[in-house]
Structures are given as C-alpha cells and as structure tokens.
Amino acid sequence: MQNFIFHNPAKIIFGHDQISSIGNEIPGDKTVMIVYGGGSVNRNGTLKKVRDSLKNYTVYEFGGVQANPHYETLMEAVALVKDKGVNFLLAVGGGSVIDGTKFVAAAACYDGDAWDIVKSYGSVVKRALPVGCVL
C-alpha cells in the first residue's frame, strides 16, 4: 500500500430557503456561470432563486445539459467559460448536471484535447475551476 493524504473539504448547507445564502459562499470577485438542464429548475422556481441570490455577481447561464450529457454540449459550455472569463461554476439540478459541470470545470483548465479527460477517467486533470452545486 502506498502512503497518501486525501483532503476533500466540502461544505453542505441544508434546509429550508438556503438558496438565498449562496451569495455568501462565493467570493465576490468571481464571475459565475450557472449550469442547468431542462425546464424543471424553471418550473419549480429554483433557477429564479439562484439568480436572485447572485444579483451582486456577473453571471452567465448555460442551460440544456442532457441526462447523460453529450460531450458536444459540454464543450459548448467550456467555450462560453473561456470566452466570458468565468471562474466559478454553479451546477443547478441533478446528477447529470453536476457531473457535466465537473467536466466543464476540468476541461476549461486543460491545455490538451478535453477528450483526454474522458478517455483517461480524469487522470490527466491537474486543476479545475471551483464548483458549487444546488440540488
């Protein structure tokens, strides 16, 4: 067995009306991109609450992340991140949106072909943008 140190800090904010506190958790100098899937976050009001909580930030949005996200879709998000200088990603939705956002976070910082991340099971990732999640 090899010795190693694993450090994985996570802060979980749970409970009624906690979305309004998101703005307190993201450093003020960040440019945020909200990443979401289909219409449920619109229909249930979650996306509006997230937008309201980020009113003091420069915010971009990328919607339409599919269940089992397509590589091409996520690369469109990577292009937007790079074009707009986004430096914080906020996934709003379920597992597919969160997984897709993690890929975008890594691919946006990767100098090679982003497909390397997929085919190497992420072993080439050395850095990534910070990611927050609203489930």
N, C-alpha and C. Protein backbone atom coordinates (compact mmCIF):
# COMPACT_ATOMS: atom_id res chain seq x y z
N MET A 1 0.83 -1.19 0.00
CA MET A 1 0.00 0.00 0.00
C MET A 1 0.88 1.25 0.00
N GLN A 2 0.52 2.22 -0.81
CA GLN A 2 1.26 3.47 -0.86
C GLN A 2 0.66 4.45 0.14
N ASN A 3 1.52 5.24 0.76
CA ASN A 3 1.04 6.28 1.67
C ASN A 3 0.48 7.44 0.87
N PHE A 4 -0.55 8.07 1.38
CA PHE A 4 -1.08 9.26 0.73
C PHE A 4 -1.90 10.06 1.72
N ILE A 5 -2.16 11.28 1.36
CA ILE A 5 -3.05 12.16 2.12
C ILE A 5 -4.18 12.55 1.20
N PHE A 6 -5.39 12.38 1.66
CA PHE A 6 -6.57 12.76 0.90
C PHE A 6 -7.29 13.85 1.69
N HIS A 7 -7.41 15.02 1.08
CA HIS A 7 -8.08 16.16 1.72
C HIS A 7 -9.22 16.57 0.82
N ASN A 8 -10.45 16.46 1.29
CA ASN A 8 -11.62 16.73 0.46
C ASN A 8 -12.63 17.57 1.25
N PRO A 9 -12.34 18.85 1.40
CA PRO A 9 -13.29 19.67 2.17
C PRO A 9 -14.58 19.90 1.40
N ALA A 10 -15.67 19.77 2.07
CA ALA A 10 -16.98 20.04 1.48
C ALA A 10 -17.84 20.74 2.51
N LYS A 11 -18.53 21.74 2.08
CA LYS A 11 -19.45 22.46 2.95
C LYS A 11 -20.85 22.20 2.43
N ILE A 12 -21.70 21.70 3.28
CA ILE A 12 -23.08 21.40 2.90
C ILE A 12 -24.00 22.33 3.66
N ILE A 13 -24.80 23.06 2.92
CA ILE A 13 -25.80 23.96 3.52
C ILE A 13 -27.15 23.36 3.20
N PHE A 14 -27.87 22.96 4.20
CA PHE A 14 -29.09 22.19 4.01
C PHE A 14 -30.23 22.83 4.79
N GLY A 15 -31.41 22.81 4.22
CA GLY A 15 -32.58 23.27 4.94
C GLY A 15 -33.44 24.20 4.11
N HIS A 16 -34.51 24.63 4.72
CA HIS A 16 -35.49 25.49 4.06
C HIS A 16 -34.88 26.84 3.69
N ASP A 17 -35.11 27.28 2.46
CA ASP A 17 -34.73 28.61 1.98
C ASP A 17 -33.22 28.90 2.07
N GLN A 18 -32.40 27.88 1.87
CA GLN A 18 -30.95 28.07 1.95
C GLN A 18 -30.34 28.59 0.65
N ILE A 19 -31.09 28.54 -0.45
CA ILE A 19 -30.56 29.03 -1.72
C ILE A 19 -30.20 30.51 -1.60
N SER A 20 -30.93 31.24 -0.79
CA SER A 20 -30.66 32.68 -0.64
C SER A 20 -29.29 32.96 -0.05
N SER A 21 -28.64 31.97 0.54
CA SER A 21 -27.32 32.19 1.14
C SER A 21 -26.15 31.92 0.19
N ILE A 22 -26.45 31.51 -1.04
CA ILE A 22 -25.38 31.18 -1.99
C ILE A 22 -24.42 32.34 -2.17
N GLY A 23 -24.95 33.54 -2.27
CA GLY A 23 -24.11 34.71 -2.48
C GLY A 23 -23.09 34.91 -1.38
N ASN A 24 -23.36 34.39 -0.19
CA ASN A 24 -22.39 34.50 0.93
C ASN A 24 -21.27 33.47 0.81
N GLU A 25 -21.42 32.49 -0.05
CA GLU A 25 -20.46 31.39 -0.14
C GLU A 25 -19.48 31.53 -1.30
N ILE A 26 -19.79 32.38 -2.25
CA ILE A 26 -18.93 32.55 -3.43
C ILE A 26 -18.15 33.85 -3.26
N PRO A 27 -16.82 33.79 -3.38
CA PRO A 27 -16.04 35.03 -3.26
C PRO A 27 -16.55 36.11 -4.22
N GLY A 28 -16.54 37.34 -3.77
CA GLY A 28 -17.12 38.45 -4.51
C GLY A 28 -16.47 38.78 -5.83
N ASP A 29 -15.23 38.32 -6.03
CA ASP A 29 -14.53 38.64 -7.27
C ASP A 29 -14.76 37.60 -8.37
N LYS A 30 -15.65 36.66 -8.15
CA LYS A 30 -15.87 35.59 -9.11
C LYS A 30 -16.90 35.96 -10.17
N THR A 31 -16.65 35.49 -11.38
CA THR A 31 -17.62 35.55 -12.46
C THR A 31 -18.23 34.16 -12.53
N VAL A 32 -19.54 34.09 -12.38
CA VAL A 32 -20.23 32.81 -12.17
C VAL A 32 -20.97 32.39 -13.43
N MET A 33 -20.92 31.09 -13.70
CA MET A 33 -21.79 30.53 -14.73
C MET A 33 -22.68 29.48 -14.07
N ILE A 34 -23.99 29.69 -14.22
CA ILE A 34 -24.97 28.73 -13.74
C ILE A 34 -25.16 27.70 -14.85
N VAL A 35 -25.03 26.43 -14.50
CA VAL A 35 -25.21 25.34 -15.45
C VAL A 35 -26.42 24.54 -15.02
N TYR A 36 -27.35 24.32 -15.93
CA TYR A 36 -28.56 23.58 -15.58
C TYR A 36 -29.04 22.77 -16.76
N GLY A 37 -30.05 21.95 -16.51
CA GLY A 37 -30.55 21.04 -17.54
C GLY A 37 -31.76 21.57 -18.24
N GLY A 38 -32.87 20.87 -18.05
CA GLY A 38 -34.11 21.21 -18.73
C GLY A 38 -34.95 22.21 -17.97
N GLY A 39 -36.24 22.04 -18.09
CA GLY A 39 -37.16 23.03 -17.57
C GLY A 39 -37.54 22.92 -16.11
N SER A 40 -37.18 21.82 -15.43
CA SER A 40 -37.67 21.65 -14.05
C SER A 40 -37.16 22.75 -13.12
N VAL A 41 -35.93 23.21 -13.30
CA VAL A 41 -35.42 24.27 -12.43
C VAL A 41 -36.14 25.59 -12.67
N ASN A 42 -36.70 25.77 -13.86
CA ASN A 42 -37.54 26.93 -14.13
C ASN A 42 -38.93 26.74 -13.54
N ARG A 43 -39.51 25.57 -13.78
CA ARG A 43 -40.88 25.31 -13.31
C ARG A 43 -41.00 25.34 -11.79
N ASN A 44 -40.00 24.82 -11.09
CA ASN A 44 -40.10 24.77 -9.63
C ASN A 44 -39.56 26.02 -8.94
N GLY A 45 -39.07 26.99 -9.72
CA GLY A 45 -38.62 28.26 -9.16
C GLY A 45 -37.20 28.29 -8.65
N THR A 46 -36.49 27.17 -8.73
CA THR A 46 -35.13 27.12 -8.20
C THR A 46 -34.19 28.06 -8.95
N LEU A 47 -34.28 28.08 -10.25
CA LEU A 47 -33.37 28.93 -11.02
C LEU A 47 -33.57 30.41 -10.70
N LYS A 48 -34.80 30.83 -10.52
CA LYS A 48 -35.06 32.23 -10.15
C LYS A 48 -34.45 32.55 -8.79
N LYS A 49 -34.59 31.64 -7.84
CA LYS A 49 -34.00 31.86 -6.52
C LYS A 49 -32.48 31.96 -6.60
N VAL A 50 -31.88 31.11 -7.42
CA VAL A 50 -30.42 31.16 -7.59
C VAL A 50 -30.02 32.49 -8.22
N ARG A 51 -30.71 32.88 -9.29
CA ARG A 51 -30.41 34.18 -9.92
C ARG A 51 -30.51 35.32 -8.91
N ASP A 52 -31.58 35.31 -8.12
CA ASP A 52 -31.78 36.37 -7.12
C ASP A 52 -30.64 36.40 -6.10
N SER A 53 -30.14 35.23 -5.72
CA SER A 53 -29.07 35.18 -4.72
C SER A 53 -27.73 35.64 -5.27
N LEU A 54 -27.62 35.70 -6.59
CA LEU A 54 -26.35 36.10 -7.23
C LEU A 54 -26.43 37.49 -7.87
N LYS A 55 -27.34 38.31 -7.41
CA LYS A 55 -27.57 39.62 -8.04
C LYS A 55 -26.35 40.53 -7.99
N ASN A 56 -25.40 40.28 -7.10
CA ASN A 56 -24.21 41.13 -6.98
C ASN A 56 -23.02 40.59 -7.77
N TYR A 57 -23.25 39.58 -8.59
CA TYR A 57 -22.20 38.95 -9.37
C TYR A 57 -22.44 39.15 -10.86
N THR A 58 -21.37 39.03 -11.63
CA THR A 58 -21.52 38.88 -13.07
C THR A 58 -21.85 37.41 -13.29
N VAL A 59 -23.00 37.16 -13.92
CA VAL A 59 -23.49 35.80 -14.06
C VAL A 59 -23.82 35.50 -15.52
N TYR A 60 -23.39 34.33 -15.95
CA TYR A 60 -23.77 33.79 -17.25
C TYR A 60 -24.52 32.50 -17.00
N GLU A 61 -25.27 32.05 -17.98
CA GLU A 61 -26.03 30.83 -17.83
C GLU A 61 -25.78 29.91 -19.01
N PHE A 62 -25.77 28.62 -18.69
CA PHE A 62 -25.70 27.60 -19.73
C PHE A 62 -26.74 26.55 -19.39
N GLY A 63 -27.80 26.50 -20.16
CA GLY A 63 -28.86 25.52 -19.95
C GLY A 63 -28.87 24.46 -21.02
N GLY A 64 -29.64 23.42 -20.80
CA GLY A 64 -29.80 22.38 -21.79
C GLY A 64 -28.89 21.18 -21.62
N VAL A 65 -28.27 21.03 -20.44
CA VAL A 65 -27.45 19.85 -20.20
C VAL A 65 -28.38 18.64 -20.10
N GLN A 66 -28.13 17.66 -20.94
CA GLN A 66 -28.99 16.48 -21.02
C GLN A 66 -28.68 15.48 -19.90
N ALA A 67 -29.63 14.56 -19.69
CA ALA A 67 -29.32 13.39 -18.89
C ALA A 67 -28.22 12.65 -19.63
N ASN A 68 -27.22 12.18 -18.91
CA ASN A 68 -26.03 11.60 -19.55
C ASN A 68 -25.52 12.58 -20.60
N PRO A 69 -24.97 13.70 -20.14
CA PRO A 69 -24.65 14.83 -21.03
C PRO A 69 -23.78 14.44 -22.21
N HIS A 70 -24.07 15.07 -23.32
CA HIS A 70 -23.28 14.86 -24.53
C HIS A 70 -22.00 15.69 -24.45
N TYR A 71 -20.93 15.10 -24.90
CA TYR A 71 -19.62 15.76 -24.92
C TYR A 71 -19.72 17.10 -25.66
N GLU A 72 -20.39 17.11 -26.79
CA GLU A 72 -20.50 18.33 -27.60
C GLU A 72 -21.21 19.45 -26.84
N THR A 73 -22.23 19.10 -26.09
CA THR A 73 -22.95 20.09 -25.29
C THR A 73 -22.02 20.69 -24.25
N LEU A 74 -21.30 19.83 -23.57
CA LEU A 74 -20.40 20.31 -22.51
C LEU A 74 -19.26 21.15 -23.08
N MET A 75 -18.81 20.83 -24.28
CA MET A 75 -17.76 21.64 -24.90
C MET A 75 -18.28 23.03 -25.27
N GLU A 76 -19.57 23.15 -25.57
CA GLU A 76 -20.15 24.47 -25.77
C GLU A 76 -20.07 25.28 -24.47
N ALA A 77 -20.31 24.62 -23.35
CA ALA A 77 -20.19 25.30 -22.05
C ALA A 77 -18.74 25.70 -21.79
N VAL A 78 -17.80 24.84 -22.12
CA VAL A 78 -16.37 25.16 -21.96
C VAL A 78 -16.02 26.40 -22.78
N ALA A 79 -16.52 26.47 -24.01
CA ALA A 79 -16.25 27.64 -24.87
C ALA A 79 -16.80 28.91 -24.24
N LEU A 80 -17.99 28.84 -23.65
CA LEU A 80 -18.57 30.02 -23.00
C LEU A 80 -17.75 30.43 -21.79
N VAL A 81 -17.31 29.46 -21.01
CA VAL A 81 -16.45 29.74 -19.85
C VAL A 81 -15.21 30.51 -20.28
N LYS A 82 -14.57 30.02 -21.30
CA LYS A 82 -13.33 30.65 -21.78
C LYS A 82 -13.59 32.03 -22.39
N ASP A 83 -14.66 32.14 -23.15
CA ASP A 83 -14.99 33.41 -23.82
C ASP A 83 -15.33 34.51 -22.82
N LYS A 84 -16.05 34.16 -21.77
CA LYS A 84 -16.53 35.16 -20.80
C LYS A 84 -15.63 35.30 -19.58
N GLY A 85 -14.60 34.51 -19.46
CA GLY A 85 -13.71 34.60 -18.30
C GLY A 85 -14.36 34.12 -17.01
N VAL A 86 -15.23 33.15 -17.13
CA VAL A 86 -15.91 32.58 -15.96
C VAL A 86 -14.87 31.89 -15.07
N ASN A 87 -14.97 32.10 -13.76
CA ASN A 87 -14.04 31.46 -12.84
C ASN A 87 -14.73 30.80 -11.65
N PHE A 88 -16.03 30.57 -11.76
CA PHE A 88 -16.78 29.79 -10.76
C PHE A 88 -18.00 29.20 -11.45
N LEU A 89 -18.21 27.90 -11.26
CA LEU A 89 -19.34 27.21 -11.87
C LEU A 89 -20.33 26.81 -10.79
N LEU A 90 -21.61 27.00 -11.07
CA LEU A 90 -22.67 26.62 -10.14
C LEU A 90 -23.64 25.70 -10.85
N ALA A 91 -23.59 24.42 -10.51
CA ALA A 91 -24.49 23.43 -11.09
C ALA A 91 -25.83 23.51 -10.36
N VAL A 92 -26.91 23.63 -11.12
CA VAL A 92 -28.25 23.69 -10.53
C VAL A 92 -29.07 22.57 -11.17
N GLY A 93 -29.29 21.53 -10.41
CA GLY A 93 -30.02 20.39 -10.95
C GLY A 93 -29.62 19.10 -10.28
N GLY A 94 -29.66 18.02 -11.04
CA GLY A 94 -29.37 16.70 -10.50
C GLY A 94 -28.01 16.19 -10.92
N GLY A 95 -27.86 14.88 -10.86
CA GLY A 95 -26.57 14.25 -11.07
C GLY A 95 -25.94 14.50 -12.41
N SER A 96 -26.72 14.49 -13.48
CA SER A 96 -26.15 14.72 -14.81
C SER A 96 -25.60 16.13 -14.94
N VAL A 97 -26.33 17.09 -14.41
CA VAL A 97 -25.87 18.49 -14.45
C VAL A 97 -24.60 18.63 -13.61
N ILE A 98 -24.58 18.02 -12.45
CA ILE A 98 -23.40 18.12 -11.58
C ILE A 98 -22.19 17.45 -12.23
N ASP A 99 -22.39 16.24 -12.76
CA ASP A 99 -21.28 15.56 -13.43
C ASP A 99 -20.78 16.35 -14.64
N GLY A 100 -21.71 16.87 -15.42
CA GLY A 100 -21.32 17.67 -16.58
C GLY A 100 -20.56 18.92 -16.17
N THR A 101 -20.99 19.55 -15.11
CA THR A 101 -20.33 20.76 -14.62
C THR A 101 -18.92 20.46 -14.14
N LYS A 102 -18.73 19.32 -13.50
CA LYS A 102 -17.38 18.93 -13.08
C LYS A 102 -16.47 18.73 -14.28
N PHE A 103 -17.00 18.14 -15.35
CA PHE A 103 -16.21 18.01 -16.57
C PHE A 103 -15.85 19.38 -17.13
N VAL A 104 -16.82 20.28 -17.20
CA VAL A 104 -16.57 21.64 -17.70
C VAL A 104 -15.49 22.31 -16.86
N ALA A 105 -15.55 22.15 -15.54
CA ALA A 105 -14.57 22.76 -14.64
C ALA A 105 -13.16 22.28 -14.96
N ALA A 106 -13.02 21.00 -15.27
CA ALA A 106 -11.70 20.46 -15.60
C ALA A 106 -11.29 20.83 -17.02
N ALA A 107 -12.21 20.68 -17.96
CA ALA A 107 -11.88 20.92 -19.37
C ALA A 107 -11.51 22.37 -19.63
N ALA A 108 -12.11 23.29 -18.90
CA ALA A 108 -11.82 24.72 -19.09
C ALA A 108 -10.38 25.06 -18.68
N CYS A 109 -9.78 24.23 -17.86
CA CYS A 109 -8.41 24.47 -17.39
C CYS A 109 -7.39 23.55 -18.05
N TYR A 110 -7.84 22.68 -18.92
CA TYR A 110 -6.97 21.68 -19.53
C TYR A 110 -6.41 22.20 -20.84
N ASP A 111 -5.11 22.07 -21.02
CA ASP A 111 -4.46 22.61 -22.22
C ASP A 111 -4.55 21.69 -23.43
N GLY A 112 -4.75 20.42 -23.22
CA GLY A 112 -4.82 19.48 -24.33
C GLY A 112 -6.23 19.32 -24.86
N ASP A 113 -6.43 18.23 -25.56
CA ASP A 113 -7.74 17.86 -26.08
C ASP A 113 -8.59 17.38 -24.91
N ALA A 114 -9.72 18.02 -24.66
CA ALA A 114 -10.55 17.68 -23.50
C ALA A 114 -11.03 16.24 -23.51
N TRP A 115 -11.05 15.60 -24.68
CA TRP A 115 -11.42 14.19 -24.74
C TRP A 115 -10.45 13.33 -23.92
N ASP A 116 -9.21 13.82 -23.73
CA ASP A 116 -8.24 13.12 -22.89
C ASP A 116 -8.79 12.89 -21.48
N ILE A 117 -9.57 13.84 -21.00
CA ILE A 117 -10.14 13.74 -19.65
C ILE A 117 -11.09 12.54 -19.58
N VAL A 118 -11.89 12.38 -20.62
CA VAL A 118 -12.86 11.29 -20.66
C VAL A 118 -12.15 9.95 -20.81
N LYS A 119 -11.26 9.86 -21.77
CA LYS A 119 -10.66 8.56 -22.06
C LYS A 119 -9.66 8.12 -20.98
N SER A 120 -9.18 9.05 -20.17
CA SER A 120 -8.23 8.69 -19.11
C SER A 120 -8.91 8.61 -17.73
N TYR A 121 -10.24 8.65 -17.74
CA TYR A 121 -11.01 8.63 -16.48
C TYR A 121 -10.57 9.76 -15.55
N GLY A 122 -10.18 10.88 -16.14
CA GLY A 122 -9.85 12.07 -15.37
C GLY A 122 -8.44 12.12 -14.82
N SER A 123 -7.63 11.12 -15.12
CA SER A 123 -6.29 11.06 -14.52
C SER A 123 -5.37 12.18 -15.00
N VAL A 124 -5.72 12.86 -16.09
CA VAL A 124 -4.88 13.94 -16.61
C VAL A 124 -5.22 15.29 -15.97
N VAL A 125 -6.26 15.33 -15.17
CA VAL A 125 -6.71 16.59 -14.58
C VAL A 125 -5.76 16.99 -13.45
N LYS A 126 -5.21 18.17 -13.57
CA LYS A 126 -4.31 18.71 -12.55
C LYS A 126 -4.93 19.90 -11.81
N ARG A 127 -5.89 20.55 -12.46
CA ARG A 127 -6.58 21.67 -11.82
C ARG A 127 -7.95 21.83 -12.47
N ALA A 128 -8.82 22.53 -11.77
CA ALA A 128 -10.18 22.75 -12.26
C ALA A 128 -10.74 24.01 -11.63
N LEU A 129 -11.75 24.56 -12.26
CA LEU A 129 -12.45 25.71 -11.68
C LEU A 129 -13.23 25.25 -10.45
N PRO A 130 -13.46 26.14 -9.51
CA PRO A 130 -14.31 25.77 -8.37
C PRO A 130 -15.74 25.56 -8.81
N VAL A 131 -16.40 24.61 -8.15
CA VAL A 131 -17.76 24.23 -8.47
C VAL A 131 -18.62 24.23 -7.21
N GLY A 132 -19.80 24.82 -7.30
CA GLY A 132 -20.82 24.71 -6.26
C GLY A 132 -22.02 23.98 -6.86
N CYS A 133 -22.85 23.40 -6.01
CA CYS A 133 -23.99 22.62 -6.50
C CYS A 133 -25.25 22.98 -5.71
N VAL A 134 -26.33 23.15 -6.44
CA VAL A 134 -27.67 23.29 -5.85
C VAL A 134 -28.46 22.12 -6.36
N LEU A 135 -28.80 21.22 -5.45
CA LEU A 135 -29.56 20.02 -5.84
C LEU A 135 -31.04 20.32 -5.85
